[in-house]
Amino acid sequence: WRNENWDVRNFSSAPIATVGSLNMQRSAI
């Protein structure tokens, strides 16, 4: 099981900007 928060960043611009965030939940067997 996972519950992770990730930042979405724009690496093509300087300075690198955060354009959003993402929460990913995953369960597996």
PDB file of all heavy atoms in Angstrom:
ATOM      1  N   TRP A   1       0.858  -1.184   0.000  1.00  0.00           N
ATOM      2  CA  TRP A   1       0.000   0.000   0.000  1.00  0.00           C
ATOM      3  C   TRP A   1       0.890   1.228   0.000  1.00  0.00           C
ATOM      4  O   TRP A   1       1.935   1.256   0.667  1.00  0.00           O
ATOM      5  CB  TRP A   1      -0.889  -0.016   1.243  1.00  0.00           C
ATOM      6  CG  TRP A   1      -1.632   1.249   1.489  1.00  0.00           C
ATOM      7  CD1 TRP A   1      -2.809   1.621   0.938  1.00  0.00           C
ATOM      8  CD2 TRP A   1      -1.229   2.314   2.349  1.00  0.00           C
ATOM      9  NE1 TRP A   1      -3.166   2.858   1.405  1.00  0.00           N
ATOM     10  CE2 TRP A   1      -2.214   3.307   2.282  1.00  0.00           C
ATOM     11  CE3 TRP A   1      -0.128   2.523   3.178  1.00  0.00           C
ATOM     12  CZ2 TRP A   1      -2.127   4.492   2.998  1.00  0.00           C
ATOM     13  CZ3 TRP A   1      -0.036   3.703   3.889  1.00  0.00           C
ATOM     14  CH2 TRP A   1      -1.042   4.669   3.794  1.00  0.00           C
ATOM     15  N   ARG A   2       0.476   2.257  -0.770  1.00  0.00           N
ATOM     16  CA  ARG A   2       1.204   3.538  -0.824  1.00  0.00           C
ATOM     17  C   ARG A   2       0.214   4.685  -0.775  1.00  0.00           C
ATOM     18  O   ARG A   2      -0.877   4.605  -1.332  1.00  0.00           O
ATOM     19  CB  ARG A   2       1.979   3.683  -2.129  1.00  0.00           C
ATOM     20  CG  ARG A   2       3.129   2.795  -2.303  1.00  0.00           C
ATOM     21  CD  ARG A   2       3.807   3.119  -3.624  1.00  0.00           C
ATOM     22  NE  ARG A   2       4.937   2.270  -3.866  1.00  0.00           N
ATOM     23  CZ  ARG A   2       5.829   2.480  -4.819  1.00  0.00           C
ATOM     24  NH1 ARG A   2       5.705   3.523  -5.614  1.00  0.00           N
ATOM     25  NH2 ARG A   2       6.833   1.663  -4.979  1.00  0.00           N
ATOM     26  N   ASN A   3       0.640   5.766  -0.164  1.00  0.00           N
ATOM     27  CA  ASN A   3      -0.087   7.031  -0.191  1.00  0.00           C
ATOM     28  C   ASN A   3       0.986   8.109  -0.237  1.00  0.00           C
ATOM     29  O   ASN A   3       1.593   8.443   0.783  1.00  0.00           O
ATOM     30  CB  ASN A   3      -0.980   7.184   1.048  1.00  0.00           C
ATOM     31  CG  ASN A   3      -1.839   8.430   0.978  1.00  0.00           C
ATOM     32  OD1 ASN A   3      -1.648   9.292   0.129  1.00  0.00           O
ATOM     33  ND2 ASN A   3      -2.777   8.543   1.893  1.00  0.00           N
ATOM     34  N   GLU A   4       1.231   8.669  -1.440  1.00  0.00           N
ATOM     35  CA  GLU A   4       2.358   9.572  -1.648  1.00  0.00           C
ATOM     36  C   GLU A   4       1.911  10.886  -2.263  1.00  0.00           C
ATOM     37  O   GLU A   4       1.034  10.909  -3.129  1.00  0.00           O
ATOM     38  CB  GLU A   4       3.401   8.904  -2.555  1.00  0.00           C
ATOM     39  CG  GLU A   4       3.934   7.616  -1.983  1.00  0.00           C
ATOM     40  CD  GLU A   4       4.911   6.915  -2.907  1.00  0.00           C
ATOM     41  OE1 GLU A   4       4.958   7.271  -4.102  1.00  0.00           O
ATOM     42  OE2 GLU A   4       5.614   6.006  -2.433  1.00  0.00           O
ATOM     43  N   ASN A   5       2.532  11.966  -1.812  1.00  0.00           N
ATOM     44  CA  ASN A   5       2.298  13.299  -2.362  1.00  0.00           C
ATOM     45  C   ASN A   5       3.516  13.705  -3.182  1.00  0.00           C
ATOM     46  O   ASN A   5       4.656  13.600  -2.716  1.00  0.00           O
ATOM     47  CB  ASN A   5       2.075  14.317  -1.233  1.00  0.00           C
ATOM     48  CG  ASN A   5       0.817  14.016  -0.443  1.00  0.00           C
ATOM     49  OD1 ASN A   5      -0.214  13.685  -1.009  1.00  0.00           O
ATOM     50  ND2 ASN A   5       0.907  14.102   0.869  1.00  0.00           N
ATOM     51  N   TRP A   6       3.263  14.182  -4.409  1.00  0.00           N
ATOM     52  CA  TRP A   6       4.341  14.566  -5.308  1.00  0.00           C
ATOM     53  C   TRP A   6       4.088  15.972  -5.838  1.00  0.00           C
ATOM     54  O   TRP A   6       2.960  16.353  -6.095  1.00  0.00           O
ATOM     55  CB  TRP A   6       4.420  13.603  -6.500  1.00  0.00           C
ATOM     56  CG  TRP A   6       4.849  12.228  -6.103  1.00  0.00           C
ATOM     57  CD1 TRP A   6       4.048  11.197  -5.737  1.00  0.00           C
ATOM     58  CD2 TRP A   6       6.186  11.762  -6.026  1.00  0.00           C
ATOM     59  NE1 TRP A   6       4.789  10.099  -5.428  1.00  0.00           N
ATOM     60  CE2 TRP A   6       6.120  10.412  -5.596  1.00  0.00           C
ATOM     61  CE3 TRP A   6       7.436  12.332  -6.258  1.00  0.00           C
ATOM     62  CZ2 TRP A   6       7.255   9.637  -5.410  1.00  0.00           C
ATOM     63  CZ3 TRP A   6       8.558  11.544  -6.078  1.00  0.00           C
ATOM     64  CH2 TRP A   6       8.460  10.218  -5.658  1.00  0.00           C
ATOM     65  N   ASP A   7       5.172  16.725  -6.002  1.00  0.00           N
ATOM     66  CA  ASP A   7       5.100  18.030  -6.656  1.00  0.00           C
ATOM     67  C   ASP A   7       5.319  17.843  -8.152  1.00  0.00           C
ATOM     68  O   ASP A   7       6.164  17.056  -8.573  1.00  0.00           O
ATOM     69  CB  ASP A   7       6.172  18.979  -6.119  1.00  0.00           C
ATOM     70  CG  ASP A   7       5.891  19.420  -4.696  1.00  0.00           C
ATOM     71  OD1 ASP A   7       4.701  19.443  -4.312  1.00  0.00           O
ATOM     72  OD2 ASP A   7       6.855  19.723  -3.968  1.00  0.00           O
ATOM     73  N   VAL A   8       4.544  18.581  -8.964  1.00  0.00           N
ATOM     74  CA  VAL A   8       4.717  18.579 -10.412  1.00  0.00           C
ATOM     75  C   VAL A   8       5.452  19.868 -10.761  1.00  0.00           C
ATOM     76  O   VAL A   8       4.975  20.961 -10.458  1.00  0.00           O
ATOM     77  CB  VAL A   8       3.356  18.508 -11.142  1.00  0.00           C
ATOM     78  CG1 VAL A   8       3.568  18.528 -12.642  1.00  0.00           C
ATOM     79  CG2 VAL A   8       2.586  17.273 -10.701  1.00  0.00           C
ATOM     80  N   ARG A   9       6.629  19.735 -11.392  1.00  0.00           N
ATOM     81  CA  ARG A   9       7.470  20.907 -11.647  1.00  0.00           C
ATOM     82  C   ARG A   9       7.733  21.086 -13.129  1.00  0.00           C
ATOM     83  O   ARG A   9       7.755  20.125 -13.892  1.00  0.00           O
ATOM     84  CB  ARG A   9       8.804  20.753 -10.912  1.00  0.00           C
ATOM     85  CG  ARG A   9       8.618  20.670  -9.416  1.00  0.00           C
ATOM     86  CD  ARG A   9       9.926  20.452  -8.715  1.00  0.00           C
ATOM     87  NE  ARG A   9       9.673  20.234  -7.308  1.00  0.00           N
ATOM     88  CZ  ARG A   9      10.213  20.941  -6.345  1.00  0.00           C
ATOM     89  NH1 ARG A   9      11.023  21.929  -6.624  1.00  0.00           N
ATOM     90  NH2 ARG A   9       9.935  20.676  -5.094  1.00  0.00           N
ATOM     91  N   ASN A  10       7.963  22.305 -13.507  1.00  0.00           N
ATOM     92  CA  ASN A  10       8.317  22.655 -14.877  1.00  0.00           C
ATOM     93  C   ASN A  10       9.834  22.837 -14.933  1.00  0.00           C
ATOM     94  O   ASN A  10      10.369  23.837 -14.471  1.00  0.00           O
ATOM     95  CB  ASN A  10       7.603  23.943 -15.290  1.00  0.00           C
ATOM     96  CG  ASN A  10       7.876  24.307 -16.731  1.00  0.00           C
ATOM     97  OD1 ASN A  10       8.652  23.637 -17.416  1.00  0.00           O
ATOM     98  ND2 ASN A  10       7.246  25.376 -17.192  1.00  0.00           N
ATOM     99  N   PHE A  11      10.524  21.847 -15.503  1.00  0.00           N
ATOM    100  CA  PHE A  11      11.978  21.886 -15.569  1.00  0.00           C
ATOM    101  C   PHE A  11      12.485  22.629 -16.801  1.00  0.00           C
ATOM    102  O   PHE A  11      13.674  22.828 -16.955  1.00  0.00           O
ATOM    103  CB  PHE A  11      12.548  20.463 -15.552  1.00  0.00           C
ATOM    104  CG  PHE A  11      12.425  19.798 -14.218  1.00  0.00           C
ATOM    105  CD1 PHE A  11      11.365  18.954 -13.936  1.00  0.00           C
ATOM    106  CD2 PHE A  11      13.365  20.025 -13.226  1.00  0.00           C
ATOM    107  CE1 PHE A  11      11.251  18.341 -12.701  1.00  0.00           C
ATOM    108  CE2 PHE A  11      13.263  19.427 -11.991  1.00  0.00           C
ATOM    109  CZ  PHE A  11      12.198  18.574 -11.724  1.00  0.00           C
ATOM    110  N   SER A  12      11.580  23.031 -17.695  1.00  0.00           N
ATOM    111  CA  SER A  12      12.022  23.701 -18.917  1.00  0.00           C
ATOM    112  C   SER A  12      12.238  25.193 -18.709  1.00  0.00           C
ATOM    113  O   SER A  12      12.733  25.873 -19.589  1.00  0.00           O
ATOM    114  CB  SER A  12      10.996  23.482 -20.038  1.00  0.00           C
ATOM    115  OG  SER A  12       9.758  24.075 -19.682  1.00  0.00           O
ATOM    116  N   SER A  13      11.868  25.713 -17.565  1.00  0.00           N
ATOM    117  CA  SER A  13      12.051  27.144 -17.306  1.00  0.00           C
ATOM    118  C   SER A  13      13.015  27.331 -16.147  1.00  0.00           C
ATOM    119  O   SER A  13      13.203  26.464 -15.313  1.00  0.00           O
ATOM    120  CB  SER A  13      10.704  27.798 -16.972  1.00  0.00           C
ATOM    121  OG  SER A  13      10.197  27.267 -15.754  1.00  0.00           O
ATOM    122  N   ALA A  14      13.639  28.486 -16.114  1.00  0.00           N
ATOM    123  CA  ALA A  14      14.520  28.838 -14.998  1.00  0.00           C
ATOM    124  C   ALA A  14      13.972  30.103 -14.349  1.00  0.00           C
ATOM    125  O   ALA A  14      13.667  31.063 -15.054  1.00  0.00           O
ATOM    126  CB  ALA A  14      15.935  29.065 -15.499  1.00  0.00           C
ATOM    127  N   PRO A  15      13.768  30.138 -13.084  1.00  0.00           N
ATOM    128  CA  PRO A  15      13.967  29.044 -12.141  1.00  0.00           C
ATOM    129  C   PRO A  15      12.868  27.985 -12.291  1.00  0.00           C
ATOM    130  O   PRO A  15      11.808  28.245 -12.831  1.00  0.00           O
ATOM    131  CB  PRO A  15      13.877  29.736 -10.782  1.00  0.00           C
ATOM    132  CG  PRO A  15      12.980  30.908 -11.016  1.00  0.00           C
ATOM    133  CD  PRO A  15      13.255  31.349 -12.422  1.00  0.00           C
ATOM    134  N   ILE A  16      13.157  26.787 -11.794  1.00  0.00           N
ATOM    135  CA  ILE A  16      12.209  25.674 -11.864  1.00  0.00           C
ATOM    136  C   ILE A  16      11.000  26.008 -11.000  1.00  0.00           C
ATOM    137  O   ILE A  16      11.132  26.343  -9.827  1.00  0.00           O
ATOM    138  CB  ILE A  16      12.872  24.363 -11.402  1.00  0.00           C
ATOM    139  CG1 ILE A  16      14.034  24.027 -12.347  1.00  0.00           C
ATOM    140  CG2 ILE A  16      11.866  23.231 -11.346  1.00  0.00           C
ATOM    141  CD1 ILE A  16      14.897  22.891 -11.875  1.00  0.00           C
ATOM    142  N   ALA A  17       9.829  25.929 -11.618  1.00  0.00           N
ATOM    143  CA  ALA A  17       8.613  26.317 -10.908  1.00  0.00           C
ATOM    144  C   ALA A  17       7.736  25.105 -10.618  1.00  0.00           C
ATOM    145  O   ALA A  17       7.641  24.187 -11.423  1.00  0.00           O
ATOM    146  CB  ALA A  17       7.825  27.323 -11.753  1.00  0.00           C
ATOM    147  N   THR A  18       7.082  25.127  -9.455  1.00  0.00           N
ATOM    148  CA  THR A  18       6.107  24.099  -9.118  1.00  0.00           C
ATOM    149  C   THR A  18       4.778  24.494  -9.734  1.00  0.00           C
ATOM    150  O   THR A  18       4.262  25.580  -9.471  1.00  0.00           O
ATOM    151  CB  THR A  18       5.965  23.965  -7.588  1.00  0.00           C
ATOM    152  OG1 THR A  18       7.231  23.611  -7.037  1.00  0.00           O
ATOM    153  CG2 THR A  18       4.944  22.903  -7.227  1.00  0.00           C
ATOM    154  N   VAL A  19       4.213  23.647 -10.590  1.00  0.00           N
ATOM    155  CA  VAL A  19       2.972  23.979 -11.283  1.00  0.00           C
ATOM    156  C   VAL A  19       1.763  23.274 -10.679  1.00  0.00           C
ATOM    157  O   VAL A  19       0.637  23.523 -11.078  1.00  0.00           O
ATOM    158  CB  VAL A  19       3.071  23.636 -12.792  1.00  0.00           C
ATOM    159  CG1 VAL A  19       4.114  24.512 -13.466  1.00  0.00           C
ATOM    160  CG2 VAL A  19       3.374  22.167 -13.002  1.00  0.00           C
ATOM    161  N   GLY A  20       2.000  22.388  -9.724  1.00  0.00           N
ATOM    162  CA  GLY A  20       0.883  21.682  -9.099  1.00  0.00           C
ATOM    163  C   GLY A  20       1.384  20.583  -8.190  1.00  0.00           C
ATOM    164  O   GLY A  20       2.575  20.429  -7.960  1.00  0.00           O
ATOM    165  N   SER A  21       0.440  19.816  -7.685  1.00  0.00           N
ATOM    166  CA  SER A  21       0.808  18.688  -6.830  1.00  0.00           C
ATOM    167  C   SER A  21      -0.104  17.513  -7.157  1.00  0.00           C
ATOM    168  O   SER A  21      -1.154  17.669  -7.779  1.00  0.00           O
ATOM    169  CB  SER A  21       0.694  19.067  -5.358  1.00  0.00           C
ATOM    170  OG  SER A  21      -0.638  19.430  -5.053  1.00  0.00           O
ATOM    171  N   LEU A  22       0.316  16.356  -6.734  1.00  0.00           N
ATOM    172  CA  LEU A  22      -0.395  15.131  -7.069  1.00  0.00           C
ATOM    173  C   LEU A  22      -0.341  14.193  -5.869  1.00  0.00           C
ATOM    174  O   LEU A  22       0.707  14.032  -5.247  1.00  0.00           O
ATOM    175  CB  LEU A  22       0.284  14.477  -8.277  1.00  0.00           C
ATOM    176  CG  LEU A  22      -0.192  13.096  -8.695  1.00  0.00           C
ATOM    177  CD1 LEU A  22      -1.579  13.185  -9.323  1.00  0.00           C
ATOM    178  CD2 LEU A  22       0.790  12.477  -9.666  1.00  0.00           C
ATOM    179  N   ASN A  23      -1.473  13.589  -5.546  1.00  0.00           N
ATOM    180  CA  ASN A  23      -1.520  12.552  -4.523  1.00  0.00           C
ATOM    181  C   ASN A  23      -1.795  11.228  -5.227  1.00  0.00           C
ATOM    182  O   ASN A  23      -2.735  11.112  -5.999  1.00  0.00           O
ATOM    183  CB  ASN A  23      -2.602  12.833  -3.481  1.00  0.00           C
ATOM    184  CG  ASN A  23      -2.763  11.677  -2.502  1.00  0.00           C
ATOM    185  OD1 ASN A  23      -3.633  10.839  -2.654  1.00  0.00           O
ATOM    186  ND2 ASN A  23      -1.902  11.644  -1.507  1.00  0.00           N
ATOM    187  N   MET A  24      -0.931  10.237  -4.965  1.00  0.00           N
ATOM    188  CA  MET A  24      -1.096   8.924  -5.569  1.00  0.00           C
ATOM    189  C   MET A  24      -1.313   7.904  -4.464  1.00  0.00           C
ATOM    190  O   MET A  24      -0.537   7.814  -3.525  1.00  0.00           O
ATOM    191  CB  MET A  24       0.142   8.541  -6.381  1.00  0.00           C
ATOM    192  CG  MET A  24      -0.043   7.314  -7.242  1.00  0.00           C
ATOM    193  SD  MET A  24       0.635   5.761  -6.637  1.00  0.00           S
ATOM    194  CE  MET A  24       2.302   6.092  -6.260  1.00  0.00           C
ATOM    195  N   GLN A  25      -2.415   7.153  -4.594  1.00  0.00           N
ATOM    196  CA  GLN A  25      -2.681   6.063  -3.667  1.00  0.00           C
ATOM    197  C   GLN A  25      -2.704   4.772  -4.473  1.00  0.00           C
ATOM    198  O   GLN A  25      -3.293   4.716  -5.544  1.00  0.00           O
ATOM    199  CB  GLN A  25      -4.016   6.264  -2.949  1.00  0.00           C
ATOM    200  CG  GLN A  25      -4.023   7.487  -2.054  1.00  0.00           C
ATOM    201  CD  GLN A  25      -5.354   7.675  -1.352  1.00  0.00           C
ATOM    202  OE1 GLN A  25      -6.242   6.835  -1.437  1.00  0.00           O
ATOM    203  NE2 GLN A  25      -5.494   8.793  -0.662  1.00  0.00           N
ATOM    204  N   ARG A  26      -2.046   3.749  -3.934  1.00  0.00           N
ATOM    205  CA  ARG A  26      -1.952   2.478  -4.649  1.00  0.00           C
ATOM    206  C   ARG A  26      -1.997   1.340  -3.649  1.00  0.00           C
ATOM    207  O   ARG A  26      -1.333   1.377  -2.620  1.00  0.00           O
ATOM    208  CB  ARG A  26      -0.648   2.408  -5.435  1.00  0.00           C
ATOM    209  CG  ARG A  26      -0.454   1.129  -6.213  1.00  0.00           C
ATOM    210  CD  ARG A  26       0.898   1.149  -6.922  1.00  0.00           C
ATOM    211  NE  ARG A  26       1.068  -0.001  -7.785  1.00  0.00           N
ATOM    212  CZ  ARG A  26       1.599  -1.162  -7.417  1.00  0.00           C
ATOM    213  NH1 ARG A  26       2.011  -1.326  -6.182  1.00  0.00           N
ATOM    214  NH2 ARG A  26       1.714  -2.149  -8.273  1.00  0.00           N
ATOM    215  N   SER A  27      -2.781   0.331  -3.959  1.00  0.00           N
ATOM    216  CA  SER A  27      -2.775  -0.910  -3.185  1.00  0.00           C
ATOM    217  C   SER A  27      -2.653  -2.060  -4.172  1.00  0.00           C
ATOM    218  O   SER A  27      -3.181  -1.992  -5.286  1.00  0.00           O
ATOM    219  CB  SER A  27      -4.039  -1.040  -2.339  1.00  0.00           C
ATOM    220  OG  SER A  27      -5.188  -0.921  -3.141  1.00  0.00           O
ATOM    221  N   ALA A  28      -1.921  -3.106  -3.770  1.00  0.00           N
ATOM    222  CA  ALA A  28      -1.671  -4.210  -4.695  1.00  0.00           C
ATOM    223  C   ALA A  28      -1.453  -5.505  -3.925  1.00  0.00           C
ATOM    224  O   ALA A  28      -0.951  -5.501  -2.802  1.00  0.00           O
ATOM    225  CB  ALA A  28      -0.449  -3.913  -5.554  1.00  0.00           C
ATOM    226  N   ILE A  29      -1.838  -6.597  -4.550  1.00  0.00           N
ATOM    227  CA  ILE A  29      -1.495  -7.936  -4.072  1.00  0.00           C
ATOM    228  C   ILE A  29      -0.976  -8.716  -5.268  1.00  0.00           C
ATOM    229  O   ILE A  29      -1.377  -8.466  -6.406  1.00  0.00           O
ATOM    230  CB  ILE A  29      -2.687  -8.668  -3.410  1.00  0.00           C
ATOM    231  CG1 ILE A  29      -3.868  -8.779  -4.389  1.00  0.00           C
ATOM    232  CG2 ILE A  29      -3.111  -8.008  -2.126  1.00  0.00           C
ATOM    233  CD1 ILE A  29      -4.971  -9.689  -3.895  1.00  0.00           C
TER     234      ILE A  29
END
